């Protein structure tokens, strides 16, 4: 489970077994768990909330989405390296 970065007390990470899902990250406070918030990256360079399992308040979630979008290329690079994928699949 690689951690990508931390922001405002939240950790942004991948699970190591993503079952061939399109590119996404998880966000949570403290130890990663199955209820972590899930964010899809989009082909256009943005991101959307798949589920807010961590129940992150909307104002904090909006800020996190901005940071994730700003780190889009780094996240894509890390995804390719970790999952050994040449081509990334996007949710939309």
PDB file of N, CA and C in Angstrom:
ATOM      1  N   UNK A   1       0.843  -1.165   0.000  1.00  0.00           N
ATOM      2  CA  UNK A   1       0.000   0.000   0.000  1.00  0.00           C
ATOM      3  C   UNK A   1       0.893   1.235   0.000  1.00  0.00           C
ATOM      4  N   UNK A   2       1.183   1.742  -1.184  1.00  0.00           N
ATOM      5  CA  UNK A   2       2.055   2.920  -1.241  1.00  0.00           C
ATOM      6  C   UNK A   2       1.317   4.214  -0.882  1.00  0.00           C
ATOM      7  N   UNK A   3       1.910   4.969   0.031  1.00  0.00           N
ATOM      8  CA  UNK A   3       1.411   6.309   0.337  1.00  0.00           C
ATOM      9  C   UNK A   3       2.035   7.268  -0.655  1.00  0.00           C
ATOM     10  N   UNK A   4       1.237   8.159  -1.196  1.00  0.00           N
ATOM     11  CA  UNK A   4       1.715   9.119  -2.181  1.00  0.00           C
ATOM     12  C   UNK A   4       2.140  10.424  -1.531  1.00  0.00           C
ATOM     13  N   UNK A   5       1.263  10.979  -0.677  1.00  0.00           N
ATOM     14  CA  UNK A   5       1.589  12.213   0.025  1.00  0.00           C
ATOM     15  C   UNK A   5       0.561  12.441   1.116  1.00  0.00           C
ATOM     16  N   UNK A   6       0.870  13.404   1.983  1.00  0.00           N
ATOM     17  CA  UNK A   6      -0.062  13.789   3.038  1.00  0.00           C
ATOM     18  C   UNK A   6      -0.421  15.256   2.864  1.00  0.00           C
ATOM     19  N   UNK A   7      -1.650  15.581   3.218  1.00  0.00           N
ATOM     20  CA  UNK A   7      -2.099  16.965   3.163  1.00  0.00           C
ATOM     21  C   UNK A   7      -3.171  17.158   4.236  1.00  0.00           C
ATOM     22  N   UNK A   8      -2.985  18.155   5.074  1.00  0.00           N
ATOM     23  CA  UNK A   8      -3.971  18.477   6.097  1.00  0.00           C
ATOM     24  C   UNK A   8      -4.338  17.327   7.008  1.00  0.00           C
ATOM     25  N   UNK A   9      -3.390  16.467   7.339  1.00  0.00           N
ATOM     26  CA  UNK A   9      -3.672  15.332   8.214  1.00  0.00           C
ATOM     27  C   UNK A   9      -4.221  14.109   7.498  1.00  0.00           C
ATOM     28  N   UNK A  10      -4.457  14.211   6.200  1.00  0.00           N
ATOM     29  CA  UNK A  10      -4.964  13.093   5.403  1.00  0.00           C
ATOM     30  C   UNK A  10      -3.813  12.467   4.614  1.00  0.00           C
ATOM     31  N   UNK A  11      -3.877  11.162   4.450  1.00  0.00           N
ATOM     32  CA  UNK A  11      -2.917  10.444   3.615  1.00  0.00           C
ATOM     33  C   UNK A  11      -3.600  10.044   2.320  1.00  0.00           C
ATOM     34  N   UNK A  12      -2.917  10.286   1.205  1.00  0.00           N
ATOM     35  CA  UNK A  12      -3.403   9.890  -0.115  1.00  0.00           C
ATOM     36  C   UNK A  12      -2.586   8.672  -0.524  1.00  0.00           C
ATOM     37  N   UNK A  13      -3.266   7.578  -0.894  1.00  0.00           N
ATOM     38  CA  UNK A  13      -2.565   6.314  -1.129  1.00  0.00           C
ATOM     39  C   UNK A  13      -3.292   5.449  -2.146  1.00  0.00           C
ATOM     40  N   UNK A  14      -2.581   4.406  -2.595  1.00  0.00           N
ATOM     41  CA  UNK A  14      -3.159   3.320  -3.402  1.00  0.00           C
ATOM     42  C   UNK A  14      -3.239   2.090  -2.507  1.00  0.00           C
ATOM     43  N   UNK A  15      -4.190   1.211  -2.780  1.00  0.00           N
ATOM     44  CA  UNK A  15      -4.114  -0.148  -2.247  1.00  0.00           C
ATOM     45  C   UNK A  15      -3.250  -0.934  -3.227  1.00  0.00           C
ATOM     46  N   UNK A  16      -2.537  -1.912  -2.769  1.00  0.00           N
ATOM     47  CA  UNK A  16      -1.655  -2.669  -3.660  1.00  0.00           C
ATOM     48  C   UNK A  16      -2.423  -3.591  -4.601  1.00  0.00           C
ATOM     49  N   UNK A  17      -3.604  -4.039  -4.217  1.00  0.00           N
ATOM     50  CA  UNK A  17      -4.408  -4.900  -5.074  1.00  0.00           C
ATOM     51  C   UNK A  17      -5.660  -4.142  -5.478  1.00  0.00           C
ATOM     52  N   UNK A  18      -5.615  -3.515  -6.645  1.00  0.00           N
ATOM     53  CA  UNK A  18      -6.746  -2.705  -7.093  1.00  0.00           C
ATOM     54  C   UNK A  18      -7.622  -3.431  -8.111  1.00  0.00           C
ATOM     55  N   UNK A  19      -7.366  -4.706  -8.365  1.00  0.00           N
ATOM     56  CA  UNK A  19      -8.226  -5.552  -9.207  1.00  0.00           C
ATOM     57  C   UNK A  19      -8.510  -4.960 -10.587  1.00  0.00           C
ATOM     58  N   UNK A  20      -7.494  -4.415 -11.223  1.00  0.00           N
ATOM     59  CA  UNK A  20      -7.621  -3.859 -12.576  1.00  0.00           C
ATOM     60  C   UNK A  20      -8.626  -2.716 -12.681  1.00  0.00           C
ATOM     61  N   UNK A  21      -8.852  -2.006 -11.602  1.00  0.00           N
ATOM     62  CA  UNK A  21      -9.758  -0.868 -11.644  1.00  0.00           C
ATOM     63  C   UNK A  21      -9.083   0.302 -12.352  1.00  0.00           C
ATOM     64  N   UNK A  22      -9.877   1.251 -12.860  1.00  0.00           N
ATOM     65  CA  UNK A  22      -9.285   2.471 -13.427  1.00  0.00           C
ATOM     66  C   UNK A  22      -8.511   3.230 -12.348  1.00  0.00           C
ATOM     67  N   UNK A  23      -7.646   4.133 -12.776  1.00  0.00           N
ATOM     68  CA  UNK A  23      -6.784   4.854 -11.848  1.00  0.00           C
ATOM     69  C   UNK A  23      -7.601   5.649 -10.825  1.00  0.00           C
ATOM     70  N   UNK A  24      -7.191   5.523  -9.564  1.00  0.00           N
ATOM     71  CA  UNK A  24      -7.850   6.236  -8.474  1.00  0.00           C
ATOM     72  C   UNK A  24      -6.931   6.252  -7.257  1.00  0.00           C
ATOM     73  N   UNK A  25      -7.277   7.089  -6.302  1.00  0.00           N
ATOM     74  CA  UNK A  25      -6.558   7.134  -5.029  1.00  0.00           C
ATOM     75  C   UNK A  25      -7.564   6.989  -3.901  1.00  0.00           C
ATOM     76  N   UNK A  26      -7.041   6.692  -2.722  1.00  0.00           N
ATOM     77  CA  UNK A  26      -7.840   6.627  -1.509  1.00  0.00           C
ATOM     78  C   UNK A  26      -7.308   7.694  -0.559  1.00  0.00           C
ATOM     79  N   UNK A  27      -8.183   8.216   0.285  1.00  0.00           N
ATOM     80  CA  UNK A  27      -7.806   9.247   1.249  1.00  0.00           C
ATOM     81  C   UNK A  27      -8.371   8.861   2.606  1.00  0.00           C
ATOM     82  N   UNK A  28      -7.549   8.995   3.632  1.00  0.00           N
ATOM     83  CA  UNK A  28      -8.022   8.734   4.978  1.00  0.00           C
ATOM     84  C   UNK A  28      -7.099   9.328   6.011  1.00  0.00           C
ATOM     85  N   UNK A  29      -7.606   9.452   7.232  1.00  0.00           N
ATOM     86  CA  UNK A  29      -6.802   9.896   8.363  1.00  0.00           C
ATOM     87  C   UNK A  29      -6.396   8.660   9.155  1.00  0.00           C
ATOM     88  N   UNK A  30      -5.185   8.710   9.697  1.00  0.00           N
ATOM     89  CA  UNK A  30      -4.721   7.580  10.487  1.00  0.00           C
ATOM     90  C   UNK A  30      -4.389   6.399   9.605  1.00  0.00           C
ATOM     91  N   UNK A  31      -4.537   5.216  10.167  1.00  0.00           N
ATOM     92  CA  UNK A  31      -4.217   3.982   9.454  1.00  0.00           C
ATOM     93  C   UNK A  31      -5.211   3.753   8.306  1.00  0.00           C
ATOM     94  N   UNK A  32      -4.723   3.445   7.095  1.00  0.00           N
ATOM     95  CA  UNK A  32      -5.644   3.159   5.974  1.00  0.00           C
ATOM     96  C   UNK A  32      -6.616   2.038   6.322  1.00  0.00           C
ATOM     97  N   UNK A  33      -7.868   2.211   5.891  1.00  0.00           N
ATOM     98  CA  UNK A  33      -8.874   1.175   6.143  1.00  0.00           C
ATOM     99  C   UNK A  33      -9.808   1.067   4.946  1.00  0.00           C
ATOM    100  N   UNK A  34     -10.628   0.068   4.962  1.00  0.00           N
ATOM    101  CA  UNK A  34     -11.517  -0.230   3.832  1.00  0.00           C
ATOM    102  C   UNK A  34     -12.537   0.874   3.571  1.00  0.00           C
ATOM    103  N   UNK A  35     -12.800   1.735   4.540  1.00  0.00           N
ATOM    104  CA  UNK A  35     -13.779   2.806   4.363  1.00  0.00           C
ATOM    105  C   UNK A  35     -13.162   4.107   3.860  1.00  0.00           C
ATOM    106  N   UNK A  36     -11.923   4.069   3.420  1.00  0.00           N
ATOM    107  CA  UNK A  36     -11.267   5.293   2.948  1.00  0.00           C
ATOM    108  C   UNK A  36     -12.038   5.884   1.769  1.00  0.00           C
ATOM    109  N   UNK A  37     -12.000   7.195   1.676  1.00  0.00           N
ATOM    110  CA  UNK A  37     -12.640   7.899   0.562  1.00  0.00           C
ATOM    111  C   UNK A  37     -11.904   7.541  -0.725  1.00  0.00           C
ATOM    112  N   UNK A  38     -12.669   7.338  -1.797  1.00  0.00           N
ATOM    113  CA  UNK A  38     -12.100   6.918  -3.079  1.00  0.00           C
ATOM    114  C   UNK A  38     -12.338   8.008  -4.117  1.00  0.00           C
ATOM    115  N   UNK A  39     -11.255   8.376  -4.826  1.00  0.00           N
ATOM    116  CA  UNK A  39     -11.304   9.445  -5.822  1.00  0.00           C
ATOM    117  C   UNK A  39     -10.818   8.900  -7.160  1.00  0.00           C
ATOM    118  N   UNK A  40     -11.669   8.990  -8.198  1.00  0.00           N
ATOM    119  CA  UNK A  40     -11.277   8.598  -9.548  1.00  0.00           C
ATOM    120  C   UNK A  40     -10.534   9.748 -10.210  1.00  0.00           C
ATOM    121  N   UNK A  41      -9.478   9.450 -10.957  1.00  0.00           N
ATOM    122  CA  UNK A  41      -8.859  10.440 -11.834  1.00  0.00           C
ATOM    123  C   UNK A  41      -9.525  10.327 -13.190  1.00  0.00           C
ATOM    124  N   UNK A  42      -9.692  11.463 -13.868  1.00  0.00           N
ATOM    125  CA  UNK A  42     -10.353  11.465 -15.172  1.00  0.00           C
ATOM    126  C   UNK A  42      -9.332  11.686 -16.288  1.00  0.00           C
ATOM    127  N   UNK A  43      -9.679  11.278 -17.487  1.00  0.00           N
ATOM    128  CA  UNK A  43      -8.779  11.418 -18.636  1.00  0.00           C
ATOM    129  C   UNK A  43      -8.484  12.878 -18.945  1.00  0.00           C
ATOM    130  N   UNK A  44      -9.358  13.780 -18.538  1.00  0.00           N
ATOM    131  CA  UNK A  44      -9.172  15.209 -18.826  1.00  0.00           C
ATOM    132  C   UNK A  44      -8.272  15.906 -17.816  1.00  0.00           C
ATOM    133  N   UNK A  45      -7.768  15.164 -16.818  1.00  0.00           N
ATOM    134  CA  UNK A  45      -6.852  15.748 -15.844  1.00  0.00           C
ATOM    135  C   UNK A  45      -7.503  16.166 -14.544  1.00  0.00           C
ATOM    136  N   UNK A  46      -8.752  15.827 -14.361  1.00  0.00           N
ATOM    137  CA  UNK A  46      -9.448  16.167 -13.128  1.00  0.00           C
ATOM    138  C   UNK A  46      -9.654  14.953 -12.247  1.00  0.00           C
ATOM    139  N   UNK A  47     -10.555  15.089 -11.311  1.00  0.00           N
ATOM    140  CA  UNK A  47     -10.876  13.965 -10.430  1.00  0.00           C
ATOM    141  C   UNK A  47     -12.303  14.136  -9.910  1.00  0.00           C
ATOM    142  N   UNK A  48     -12.911  13.004  -9.554  1.00  0.00           N
ATOM    143  CA  UNK A  48     -14.269  13.012  -9.015  1.00  0.00           C
ATOM    144  C   UNK A  48     -14.353  12.026  -7.849  1.00  0.00           C
ATOM    145  N   UNK A  49     -15.256  12.296  -6.947  1.00  0.00           N
ATOM    146  CA  UNK A  49     -15.436  11.433  -5.779  1.00  0.00           C
ATOM    147  C   UNK A  49     -16.231  10.197  -6.180  1.00  0.00           C
ATOM    148  N   UNK A  50     -15.657   9.022  -5.926  1.00  0.00           N
ATOM    149  CA  UNK A  50     -16.374   7.767  -6.151  1.00  0.00           C
ATOM    150  C   UNK A  50     -17.206   7.434  -4.922  1.00  0.00           C
ATOM    151  N   UNK A  51     -16.602   7.604  -3.741  1.00  0.00           N
ATOM    152  CA  UNK A  51     -17.320   7.392  -2.482  1.00  0.00           C
ATOM    153  C   UNK A  51     -16.584   8.138  -1.376  1.00  0.00           C
ATOM    154  N   UNK A  52     -17.336   8.686  -0.464  1.00  0.00           N
ATOM    155  CA  UNK A  52     -16.733   9.404   0.661  1.00  0.00           C
ATOM    156  C   UNK A  52     -16.892   8.569   1.925  1.00  0.00           C
ATOM    157  N   UNK A  53     -16.296   7.389   1.890  1.00  0.00           N
ATOM    158  CA  UNK A  53     -16.396   6.465   3.014  1.00  0.00           C
ATOM    159  C   UNK A  53     -15.797   6.992   4.300  1.00  0.00           C
ATOM    160  N   UNK A  54     -14.822   7.894   4.200  1.00  0.00           N
ATOM    161  CA  UNK A  54     -14.200   8.483   5.387  1.00  0.00           C
ATOM    162  C   UNK A  54     -15.032   9.614   5.974  1.00  0.00           C
ATOM    163  N   UNK A  55     -16.093   9.980   5.258  1.00  0.00           N
ATOM    164  CA  UNK A  55     -16.972  11.073   5.688  1.00  0.00           C
ATOM    165  C   UNK A  55     -16.186  12.367   5.898  1.00  0.00           C
ATOM    166  N   UNK A  56     -15.338  12.688   4.928  1.00  0.00           N
ATOM    167  CA  UNK A  56     -14.571  13.925   4.968  1.00  0.00           C
ATOM    168  C   UNK A  56     -15.539  15.082   4.748  1.00  0.00           C
ATOM    169  N   UNK A  57     -15.497  16.112   5.597  1.00  0.00           N
ATOM    170  CA  UNK A  57     -16.385  17.260   5.406  1.00  0.00           C
ATOM    171  C   UNK A  57     -16.193  17.874   4.012  1.00  0.00           C
ATOM    172  N   UNK A  58     -17.279  18.358   3.426  1.00  0.00           N
ATOM    173  CA  UNK A  58     -17.259  18.824   2.041  1.00  0.00           C
ATOM    174  C   UNK A  58     -16.208  19.902   1.784  1.00  0.00           C
ATOM    175  N   UNK A  59     -16.027  20.839   2.700  1.00  0.00           N
ATOM    176  CA  UNK A  59     -15.038  21.888   2.463  1.00  0.00           C
ATOM    177  C   UNK A  59     -13.619  21.308   2.416  1.00  0.00           C
ATOM    178  N   UNK A  60     -13.320  20.347   3.272  1.00  0.00           N
ATOM    179  CA  UNK A  60     -12.003  19.698   3.253  1.00  0.00           C
ATOM    180  C   UNK A  60     -11.860  18.826   2.009  1.00  0.00           C
ATOM    181  N   UNK A  61     -12.935  18.146   1.640  1.00  0.00           N
ATOM    182  CA  UNK A  61     -12.907  17.293   0.460  1.00  0.00           C
ATOM    183  C   UNK A  61     -12.640  18.123  -0.795  1.00  0.00           C
ATOM    184  N   UNK A  62     -13.262  19.286  -0.897  1.00  0.00           N
ATOM    185  CA  UNK A  62     -13.025  20.166  -2.045  1.00  0.00           C
ATOM    186  C   UNK A  62     -11.550  20.562  -2.137  1.00  0.00           C
ATOM    187  N   UNK A  63     -10.946  20.879  -0.999  1.00  0.00           N
ATOM    188  CA  UNK A  63      -9.525  21.227  -0.981  1.00  0.00           C
ATOM    189  C   UNK A  63      -8.666  20.034  -1.388  1.00  0.00           C
ATOM    190  N   UNK A  64      -9.010  18.864  -0.898  1.00  0.00           N
ATOM    191  CA  UNK A  64      -8.258  17.653  -1.255  1.00  0.00           C
ATOM    192  C   UNK A  64      -8.364  17.355  -2.746  1.00  0.00           C
ATOM    193  N   UNK A  65      -9.543  17.564  -3.322  1.00  0.00           N
ATOM    194  CA  UNK A  65      -9.715  17.352  -4.757  1.00  0.00           C
ATOM    195  C   UNK A  65      -8.819  18.294  -5.562  1.00  0.00           C
ATOM    196  N   UNK A  66      -8.680  19.520  -5.105  1.00  0.00           N
ATOM    197  CA  UNK A  66      -7.793  20.474  -5.781  1.00  0.00           C
ATOM    198  C   UNK A  66      -6.341  20.011  -5.728  1.00  0.00           C
ATOM    199  N   UNK A  67      -5.916  19.520  -4.576  1.00  0.00           N
ATOM    200  CA  UNK A  67      -4.537  19.031  -4.428  1.00  0.00           C
ATOM    201  C   UNK A  67      -4.321  17.806  -5.308  1.00  0.00           C
ATOM    202  N   UNK A  68      -5.269  16.892  -5.313  1.00  0.00           N
ATOM    203  CA  UNK A  68      -5.148  15.687  -6.139  1.00  0.00           C
ATOM    204  C   UNK A  68      -5.073  16.054  -7.617  1.00  0.00           C
ATOM    205  N   UNK A  69      -5.915  16.977  -8.051  1.00  0.00           N
ATOM    206  CA  UNK A  69      -5.866  17.417  -9.447  1.00  0.00           C
ATOM    207  C   UNK A  69      -4.515  18.058  -9.765  1.00  0.00           C
ATOM    208  N   UNK A  70      -3.956  18.820  -8.825  1.00  0.00           N
ATOM    209  CA  UNK A  70      -2.653  19.462  -9.038  1.00  0.00           C
ATOM    210  C   UNK A  70      -1.529  18.431  -9.106  1.00  0.00           C
ATOM    211  N   UNK A  71      -1.719  17.280  -8.470  1.00  0.00           N
ATOM    212  CA  UNK A  71      -0.706  16.221  -8.459  1.00  0.00           C
ATOM    213  C   UNK A  71      -1.015  15.109  -9.468  1.00  0.00           C
ATOM    214  N   UNK A  72      -1.894  15.402 -10.406  1.00  0.00           N
ATOM    215  CA  UNK A  72      -2.372  14.438 -11.391  1.00  0.00           C
ATOM    216  C   UNK A  72      -1.243  13.670 -12.076  1.00  0.00           C
ATOM    217  N   UNK A  73      -0.255  14.375 -12.610  1.00  0.00           N
ATOM    218  CA  UNK A  73       0.805  13.706 -13.367  1.00  0.00           C
ATOM    219  C   UNK A  73       1.693  12.855 -12.467  1.00  0.00           C
ATOM    220  N   UNK A  74       1.949  13.315 -11.255  1.00  0.00           N
ATOM    221  CA  UNK A  74       2.721  12.518 -10.311  1.00  0.00           C
ATOM    222  C   UNK A  74       1.959  11.240  -9.953  1.00  0.00           C
ATOM    223  N   UNK A  75       0.656  11.357  -9.723  1.00  0.00           N
ATOM    224  CA  UNK A  75      -0.154  10.186  -9.380  1.00  0.00           C
ATOM    225  C   UNK A  75      -0.144   9.189 -10.539  1.00  0.00           C
ATOM    226  N   UNK A  76      -0.300   9.677 -11.764  1.00  0.00           N
ATOM    227  CA  UNK A  76      -0.276   8.791 -12.934  1.00  0.00           C
ATOM    228  C   UNK A  76       1.062   8.068 -13.053  1.00  0.00           C
ATOM    229  N   UNK A  77       2.144   8.791 -12.834  1.00  0.00           N
ATOM    230  CA  UNK A  77       3.483   8.193 -12.905  1.00  0.00           C
ATOM    231  C   UNK A  77       3.648   7.114 -11.840  1.00  0.00           C
ATOM    232  N   UNK A  78       3.211   7.411 -10.622  1.00  0.00           N
ATOM    233  CA  UNK A  78       3.313   6.437  -9.524  1.00  0.00           C
ATOM    234  C   UNK A  78       2.438   5.211  -9.800  1.00  0.00           C
ATOM    235  N   UNK A  79       1.246   5.425 -10.345  1.00  0.00           N
ATOM    236  CA  UNK A  79       0.340   4.312 -10.673  1.00  0.00           C
ATOM    237  C   UNK A  79       1.009   3.384 -11.688  1.00  0.00           C
ATOM    238  N   UNK A  80       1.545   3.970 -12.759  1.00  0.00           N
ATOM    239  CA  UNK A  80       2.209   3.169 -13.792  1.00  0.00           C
ATOM    240  C   UNK A  80       3.339   2.345 -13.203  1.00  0.00           C
ATOM    241  N   UNK A  81       4.145   2.969 -12.351  1.00  0.00           N
ATOM    242  CA  UNK A  81       5.272   2.263 -11.752  1.00  0.00           C
ATOM    243  C   UNK A  81       4.847   1.183 -10.780  1.00  0.00           C
ATOM    244  N   UNK A  82       3.877   1.488  -9.947  1.00  0.00           N
ATOM    245  CA  UNK A  82       3.464   0.517  -8.931  1.00  0.00           C
ATOM    246  C   UNK A  82       2.736  -0.683  -9.536  1.00  0.00           C
ATOM    247  N   UNK A  83       1.827  -0.412 -10.468  1.00  0.00           N
ATOM    248  CA  UNK A  83       1.029  -1.488 -11.039  1.00  0.00           C
ATOM    249  C   UNK A  83       1.615  -2.028 -12.342  1.00  0.00           C
ATOM    250  N   UNK A  84       2.757  -1.477 -12.731  1.00  0.00           N
ATOM    251  CA  UNK A  84       3.459  -1.907 -13.944  1.00  0.00           C
ATOM    252  C   UNK A  84       2.540  -1.900 -15.156  1.00  0.00           C
ATOM    253  N   UNK A  85       1.847  -0.771 -15.310  1.00  0.00           N
ATOM    254  CA  UNK A  85       0.937  -0.583 -16.440  1.00  0.00           C
ATOM    255  C   UNK A  85       1.516   0.470 -17.370  1.00  0.00           C
ATOM    256  N   UNK A  86       1.583   0.152 -18.626  1.00  0.00           N
ATOM    257  CA  UNK A  86       2.053   1.128 -19.612  1.00  0.00           C
ATOM    258  C   UNK A  86       0.949   2.133 -19.937  1.00  0.00           C
ATOM    259  N   UNK A  87      -0.275   1.642 -20.083  1.00  0.00           N
ATOM    260  CA  UNK A  87      -1.424   2.490 -20.390  1.00  0.00           C
ATOM    261  C   UNK A  87      -2.377   2.495 -19.219  1.00  0.00           C
ATOM    262  N   UNK A  88      -2.775   3.672 -18.817  1.00  0.00           N
ATOM    263  CA  UNK A  88      -3.691   3.821 -17.672  1.00  0.00           C
ATOM    264  C   UNK A  88      -5.130   3.848 -18.180  1.00  0.00           C
ATOM    265  N   UNK A  89      -6.006   3.148 -17.473  1.00  0.00           N
ATOM    266  CA  UNK A  89      -7.440   3.224 -17.763  1.00  0.00           C
ATOM    267  C   UNK A  89      -8.054   4.259 -16.833  1.00  0.00           C
ATOM    268  N   UNK A  90      -8.968   5.062 -17.352  1.00  0.00           N
ATOM    269  CA  UNK A  90      -9.634   6.089 -16.586  1.00  0.00           C
ATOM    270  C   UNK A  90     -11.106   5.737 -16.418  1.00  0.00           C
ATOM    271  N   UNK A  91     -11.706   6.223 -15.343  1.00  0.00           N
ATOM    272  CA  UNK A  91     -13.128   6.018 -15.093  1.00  0.00           C
ATOM    273  C   UNK A  91     -13.944   6.711 -16.161  1.00  0.00           C
ATOM    274  N   UNK A  92     -13.553   7.937 -16.512  1.00  0.00           N
ATOM    275  CA  UNK A  92     -14.222   8.684 -17.573  1.00  0.00           C
ATOM    276  C   UNK A  92     -13.275   9.729 -18.128  1.00  0.00           C
TER     277      UNK A  92
END
